[in-house]
Amino acid sequence: MKKALWIVWCCSVLLALPIFAVCPSADLTGDCRVDLADLAVLASQWLADGNPVDMVWVSIDDPGVAGHEAFKGEMSKYETTNAQYCKFLNAALASGEITVYHDIVYATSDTGHSQPYFCTEAASSNSQITYSGDTFSVRSRDGYRMDNHPVVMASWYGATAFCNFYGCRLPTEWEWQAVADYDGSYTYGCGTSIDSTKANYWPNNPLGLTRNPFTSPVDHYPAYGYGMCDMAGNVWEWTSSMYDASNRVIRGGGWGHDDYYCTVSYRYCGDPYGTSYYAIGFRVCR
């Protein structure tokens, strides 16, 4: 009898307690509210997963070119794509880190518009990313989506901003060469020889595009060496290294130059402010 009365009493107490709805799924701090604190947790988780823009990483430990630094870490298998850079632009716009002025992307803090990041399609038909209605989108042309093509028209500052946003970096030119020449025997990033089945360089136009840039999807050609794609051709790649007092080193050759420029040892340069380069892109490392 006493046990039955105890159960009745417990039930009456429980029924008297207020009933709360289940906390929202977006509540990450456990306070049953969705606010800036939850956004901060989400951002830290997003960055910590190491793959915020579907980057394919290759682990590499290379002793380096004689007399220069080695590379030990991870480098992206592919050149950064239009889809990846577009995702960065939309995320950075949403977080207030960039702005668009006369169809050119700048850091919001760059009120003098002195260091352009990126040139949209509205400013140049060579760009593969449009901007309309506060949204960046990847173009289609000649019946092809440009999502998986390497991004072009990003300045060195724009490439560096992408890296800073995702916690990675541009390789130095010697780190780039250490990876590109594999075991030191490679003449090109695609081995000891190069032809139209291995790389996109002048006068190749693998998709038969009707106008510049004559890029190809980043997975169009086989992987070589450590498992890297387009270390020869497709687009030149920004590095963090200085070429001279004004310019940054670019490596790897591109669709607009012949095979001579695709050798692993060839050094070229670009103005870090330039957003008109439709044959320069970048890959990242960490």
Protein backbone atom coordinates (compact mmCIF):
# COMPACT_ATOMS: atom_id res chain seq x y z
CA MET A 1 0.00 0.00 0.00
CA LYS A 2 2.79 2.38 0.94
CA LYS A 3 4.57 1.59 -2.36
CA ALA A 4 1.41 2.42 -4.33
CA LEU A 5 0.98 5.73 -2.49
CA TRP A 6 4.65 6.57 -3.20
CA ILE A 7 4.15 5.99 -6.95
CA VAL A 8 1.01 8.15 -6.97
CA TRP A 9 2.86 10.94 -5.15
CA CYS A 10 5.81 10.82 -7.57
CA CYS A 11 3.51 10.93 -10.57
CA SER A 12 1.64 13.92 -9.18
CA VAL A 13 4.91 15.78 -8.67
CA LEU A 14 6.11 15.01 -12.18
CA LEU A 15 2.83 16.08 -13.70
CA ALA A 16 3.05 19.36 -11.81
CA LEU A 17 6.45 20.20 -13.34
CA PRO A 18 6.47 22.48 -16.39
CA ILE A 19 7.00 20.72 -19.72
CA PHE A 20 9.64 22.17 -22.05
CA ALA A 21 9.93 21.61 -25.79
CA VAL A 22 12.99 19.83 -27.12
CA CYS A 23 15.91 22.26 -27.62
CA PRO A 24 16.51 23.38 -31.21
CA SER A 25 18.93 21.19 -33.14
CA ALA A 26 21.08 24.26 -33.84
CA ASP A 27 21.61 24.78 -30.09
CA LEU A 28 25.27 23.83 -29.65
CA THR A 29 25.91 25.36 -26.22
CA GLY A 30 23.18 23.51 -24.29
CA ASP A 31 21.17 26.57 -23.23
CA CYS A 32 18.21 25.83 -25.52
CA ARG A 33 18.80 29.06 -27.42
CA VAL A 34 20.28 29.71 -30.84
CA ASP A 35 22.48 32.80 -30.75
CA LEU A 36 25.98 34.07 -31.57
CA ALA A 37 27.54 31.66 -29.08
CA ASP A 38 26.20 28.75 -31.13
CA LEU A 39 27.46 30.36 -34.32
CA ALA A 40 30.94 30.60 -32.82
CA VAL A 41 30.89 26.89 -31.93
CA LEU A 42 29.68 26.01 -35.42
CA ALA A 43 32.45 28.11 -36.99
CA SER A 44 35.14 26.46 -34.86
CA GLN A 45 33.83 22.99 -35.73
CA TRP A 46 33.66 23.91 -39.41
CA LEU A 47 37.24 25.12 -39.48
CA ALA A 48 38.50 22.28 -37.31
CA ASP A 49 37.26 19.57 -39.64
CA GLY A 50 40.16 20.48 -41.94
CA ASN A 51 38.05 20.23 -45.08
CA PRO A 52 35.70 23.23 -45.19
CA VAL A 53 35.62 23.47 -48.99
CA ASP A 54 35.99 19.82 -49.97
CA MET A 55 39.76 20.12 -50.35
CA VAL A 56 41.54 16.86 -51.19
CA TRP A 57 44.78 16.77 -49.20
CA VAL A 58 47.88 14.74 -50.02
CA SER A 59 50.40 14.03 -47.23
CA ILE A 60 53.95 14.59 -48.45
CA ASP A 61 57.42 14.43 -46.91
CA ASP A 62 59.96 15.58 -49.49
CA PRO A 63 63.60 16.53 -48.78
CA GLY A 64 63.36 19.46 -51.17
CA VAL A 65 65.43 20.90 -53.98
CA ALA A 66 69.16 21.03 -53.19
CA GLY A 67 69.94 24.22 -51.31
CA HIS A 68 66.30 25.02 -50.57
CA GLU A 69 63.67 24.08 -48.02
CA ALA A 70 61.92 20.74 -47.89
CA PHE A 71 58.19 20.22 -47.81
CA LYS A 72 56.59 18.20 -45.05
CA GLY A 73 52.88 18.53 -44.65
CA GLU A 74 49.78 18.39 -46.78
CA MET A 75 49.20 19.98 -50.17
CA SER A 76 45.98 20.12 -52.13
CA LYS A 77 45.81 17.48 -54.84
CA TYR A 78 44.06 19.91 -57.17
CA GLU A 79 44.27 23.58 -58.01
CA THR A 80 41.64 25.60 -56.15
CA THR A 81 38.42 25.50 -58.13
CA ASN A 82 35.82 28.11 -59.02
CA ALA A 83 33.33 26.31 -56.78
CA GLN A 84 35.69 26.43 -53.81
CA TYR A 85 36.56 30.07 -54.32
CA CYS A 86 32.90 30.95 -54.85
CA LYS A 87 32.05 29.30 -51.54
CA PHE A 88 34.76 31.36 -49.87
CA LEU A 89 33.42 34.58 -51.39
CA ASN A 90 29.88 33.92 -50.21
CA ALA A 91 31.04 32.95 -46.71
CA ALA A 92 33.34 35.95 -46.41
CA LEU A 93 30.59 38.26 -47.67
CA ALA A 94 28.14 36.83 -45.14
CA SER A 95 30.63 37.37 -42.32
CA GLY A 96 31.31 40.94 -43.42
CA GLU A 97 34.95 40.36 -44.35
CA ILE A 98 34.69 41.37 -48.00
CA THR A 99 32.81 43.90 -50.07
CA VAL A 100 32.24 44.43 -53.80
CA TYR A 101 33.14 47.77 -55.32
CA HIS A 102 32.74 48.35 -59.07
CA ASP A 103 32.42 44.56 -59.47
CA ILE A 104 35.82 43.95 -57.84
CA VAL A 105 36.11 42.16 -54.47
CA TYR A 106 38.08 43.83 -51.67
CA ALA A 107 38.53 43.30 -47.95
CA THR A 108 35.96 45.35 -46.05
CA SER A 109 38.83 46.87 -44.07
CA ASP A 110 40.44 48.06 -47.33
CA THR A 111 38.43 51.27 -47.51
CA GLY A 112 40.84 52.75 -50.04
CA HIS A 113 40.35 49.75 -52.36
CA SER A 114 44.10 49.38 -52.73
CA GLN A 115 44.46 45.58 -52.68
CA PRO A 116 41.87 43.91 -54.94
CA TYR A 117 41.03 40.28 -54.26
CA PHE A 118 39.01 39.14 -57.21
CA CYS A 119 37.50 40.30 -60.49
CA THR A 120 33.90 39.17 -61.08
CA GLU A 121 32.38 38.33 -64.45
CA ALA A 122 30.62 41.70 -64.53
CA ALA A 123 34.03 43.39 -64.57
CA SER A 124 35.66 40.95 -67.00
CA SER A 125 34.22 38.24 -69.22
CA ASN A 126 37.33 36.17 -68.42
CA SER A 127 36.12 35.65 -64.86
CA GLN A 128 34.20 32.45 -64.19
CA ILE A 129 32.31 33.75 -61.15
CA THR A 130 29.36 36.14 -61.33
CA TYR A 131 28.00 38.48 -58.66
CA SER A 132 24.34 39.44 -58.52
CA GLY A 133 21.86 40.08 -55.75
CA ASP A 134 24.51 39.81 -53.04
CA THR A 135 25.39 36.28 -54.19
CA PHE A 136 28.40 34.86 -56.00
CA SER A 137 27.75 32.05 -58.49
CA VAL A 138 29.88 29.99 -60.86
CA ARG A 139 29.25 30.48 -64.58
CA SER A 140 28.41 28.01 -67.30
CA ARG A 141 29.73 28.46 -70.82
CA ASP A 142 29.87 26.45 -74.02
CA GLY A 143 27.60 23.90 -72.36
CA TYR A 144 30.01 23.27 -69.46
CA ARG A 145 29.73 24.17 -65.81
CA MET A 146 32.91 25.89 -64.67
CA ASP A 147 32.64 24.69 -61.04
CA ASN A 148 35.47 22.17 -61.28
CA HIS A 149 37.79 24.37 -63.32
CA PRO A 150 40.62 26.23 -61.54
CA VAL A 151 39.73 29.70 -60.37
CA VAL A 152 41.35 32.58 -62.27
CA MET A 153 41.25 36.37 -61.86
CA ALA A 154 42.15 36.09 -58.16
CA SER A 155 45.08 38.28 -57.19
CA TRP A 156 47.85 37.09 -54.91
CA TYR A 157 46.05 38.98 -52.16
CA GLY A 158 42.82 37.17 -53.05
CA ALA A 159 44.55 33.80 -52.95
CA THR A 160 46.11 34.66 -49.60
CA ALA A 161 42.73 35.79 -48.24
CA PHE A 162 41.26 32.40 -49.17
CA CYS A 163 44.10 30.70 -47.29
CA ASN A 164 43.70 32.89 -44.22
CA PHE A 165 39.95 32.23 -44.15
CA TYR A 166 40.44 28.47 -44.05
CA GLY A 167 43.64 28.19 -42.02
CA CYS A 168 45.94 27.07 -44.80
CA ARG A 169 48.62 28.86 -46.85
CA LEU A 170 50.29 29.22 -50.23
CA PRO A 171 53.44 27.11 -50.63
CA THR A 172 56.79 28.78 -51.13
CA GLU A 173 58.18 28.35 -54.63
CA TRP A 174 60.71 25.78 -53.41
CA GLU A 175 58.11 23.80 -51.53
CA TRP A 176 56.08 23.83 -54.72
CA GLN A 177 59.06 22.56 -56.75
CA ALA A 178 59.90 19.91 -54.14
CA VAL A 179 56.45 18.41 -54.64
CA ALA A 180 56.32 18.95 -58.41
CA ASP A 181 59.63 17.19 -59.18
CA TYR A 182 58.63 14.21 -57.01
CA ASP A 183 61.86 12.27 -56.39
CA GLY A 184 63.97 14.82 -58.24
CA SER A 185 63.70 13.01 -61.57
CA TYR A 186 60.72 14.93 -62.98
CA THR A 187 61.31 17.52 -65.71
CA TYR A 188 57.62 18.48 -65.63
CA GLY A 189 54.96 18.14 -62.97
CA CYS A 190 53.65 15.23 -65.04
CA GLY A 191 56.91 13.29 -65.27
CA THR A 192 59.96 13.24 -67.53
CA SER A 193 57.95 14.16 -70.62
CA ILE A 194 54.84 16.13 -71.49
CA ASP A 195 52.17 15.84 -74.15
CA SER A 196 48.49 16.66 -74.68
CA THR A 197 47.38 13.53 -72.79
CA LYS A 198 49.20 14.66 -69.63
CA ALA A 199 48.68 18.40 -69.31
CA ASN A 200 46.80 21.45 -70.56
CA TYR A 201 49.23 23.86 -72.24
CA TRP A 202 49.35 25.90 -75.43
CA PRO A 203 47.93 25.25 -78.00
CA ASN A 204 45.78 22.57 -76.34
CA ASN A 205 42.14 23.35 -75.70
CA PRO A 206 40.86 20.02 -74.35
CA LEU A 207 37.19 21.01 -74.09
CA GLY A 208 37.11 23.05 -77.30
CA LEU A 209 36.06 26.21 -75.47
CA THR A 210 35.26 29.12 -77.77
CA ARG A 211 37.06 31.81 -75.79
CA ASN A 212 39.53 32.43 -72.97
CA PRO A 213 40.29 31.02 -70.53
CA PHE A 214 40.91 27.59 -72.07
CA THR A 215 41.05 25.82 -68.70
CA SER A 216 40.16 22.19 -68.04
CA PRO A 217 38.56 20.51 -65.01
CA VAL A 218 41.13 19.94 -62.27
CA ASP A 219 40.66 16.17 -62.48
CA HIS A 220 40.76 16.02 -66.30
CA TYR A 221 44.34 14.73 -66.45
CA PRO A 222 45.95 11.85 -64.51
CA ALA A 223 47.72 12.34 -61.19
CA TYR A 224 51.53 12.10 -61.09
CA GLY A 225 54.30 11.85 -58.53
CA TYR A 226 52.82 12.10 -55.07
CA GLY A 227 49.35 11.91 -56.60
CA MET A 228 49.08 15.53 -57.70
CA CYS A 229 47.14 16.91 -60.64
CA ASP A 230 47.98 19.89 -62.88
CA MET A 231 51.40 20.61 -61.43
CA ALA A 232 52.16 21.17 -65.11
CA GLY A 233 49.79 23.40 -67.07
CA ASN A 234 46.14 24.36 -66.73
CA VAL A 235 46.90 27.53 -64.73
CA TRP A 236 50.03 29.06 -63.25
CA GLU A 237 50.03 28.91 -59.46
CA TRP A 238 50.72 31.71 -57.01
CA THR A 239 53.34 31.01 -54.35
CA SER A 240 54.20 32.97 -51.23
CA SER A 241 57.70 33.76 -52.51
CA MET A 242 58.93 37.12 -53.74
CA TYR A 243 60.31 37.25 -57.30
CA ASP A 244 61.65 40.76 -56.87
CA ALA A 245 60.72 43.83 -54.85
CA SER A 246 57.30 44.10 -56.53
CA ASN A 247 56.20 40.68 -57.78
CA ARG A 248 55.38 37.20 -56.52
CA VAL A 249 56.64 33.93 -58.00
CA ILE A 250 54.24 31.80 -60.02
CA ARG A 251 55.02 28.23 -61.04
CA GLY A 252 53.85 25.39 -63.26
CA GLY A 253 52.89 26.98 -66.57
CA GLY A 254 49.37 27.25 -67.90
CA TRP A 255 47.01 26.84 -70.80
CA GLY A 256 48.31 30.03 -72.44
CA HIS A 257 52.01 29.05 -72.61
CA ASP A 258 53.82 26.24 -74.37
CA ASP A 259 55.45 23.23 -72.72
CA TYR A 260 58.77 24.97 -72.04
CA TYR A 261 57.10 27.01 -69.29
CA CYS A 262 55.66 23.88 -67.67
CA THR A 263 58.99 22.57 -66.41
CA VAL A 264 59.28 22.19 -62.64
CA SER A 265 62.24 24.58 -62.50
CA TYR A 266 60.80 27.47 -64.52
CA ARG A 267 60.20 30.61 -62.47
CA TYR A 268 57.82 33.32 -63.61
CA CYS A 269 56.19 36.24 -61.82
CA GLY A 270 52.96 38.13 -61.40
CA ASP A 271 51.92 41.43 -59.87
CA PRO A 272 50.26 40.53 -56.54
CA TYR A 273 47.62 43.22 -57.17
CA GLY A 274 46.63 41.74 -60.52
CA THR A 275 43.04 40.56 -60.96
CA SER A 276 43.23 40.47 -64.75
CA TYR A 277 45.26 37.26 -64.96
CA TYR A 278 43.08 34.65 -66.62
CA ALA A 279 45.85 32.04 -66.63
CA ILE A 280 46.91 32.24 -62.95
CA GLY A 281 45.33 30.33 -60.07
CA PHE A 282 46.68 28.65 -56.95
CA ARG A 283 46.77 25.55 -54.77
CA VAL A 284 47.15 25.50 -51.01
CA CYS A 285 49.09 23.62 -48.36
CA ARG A 286 49.22 23.28 -44.59
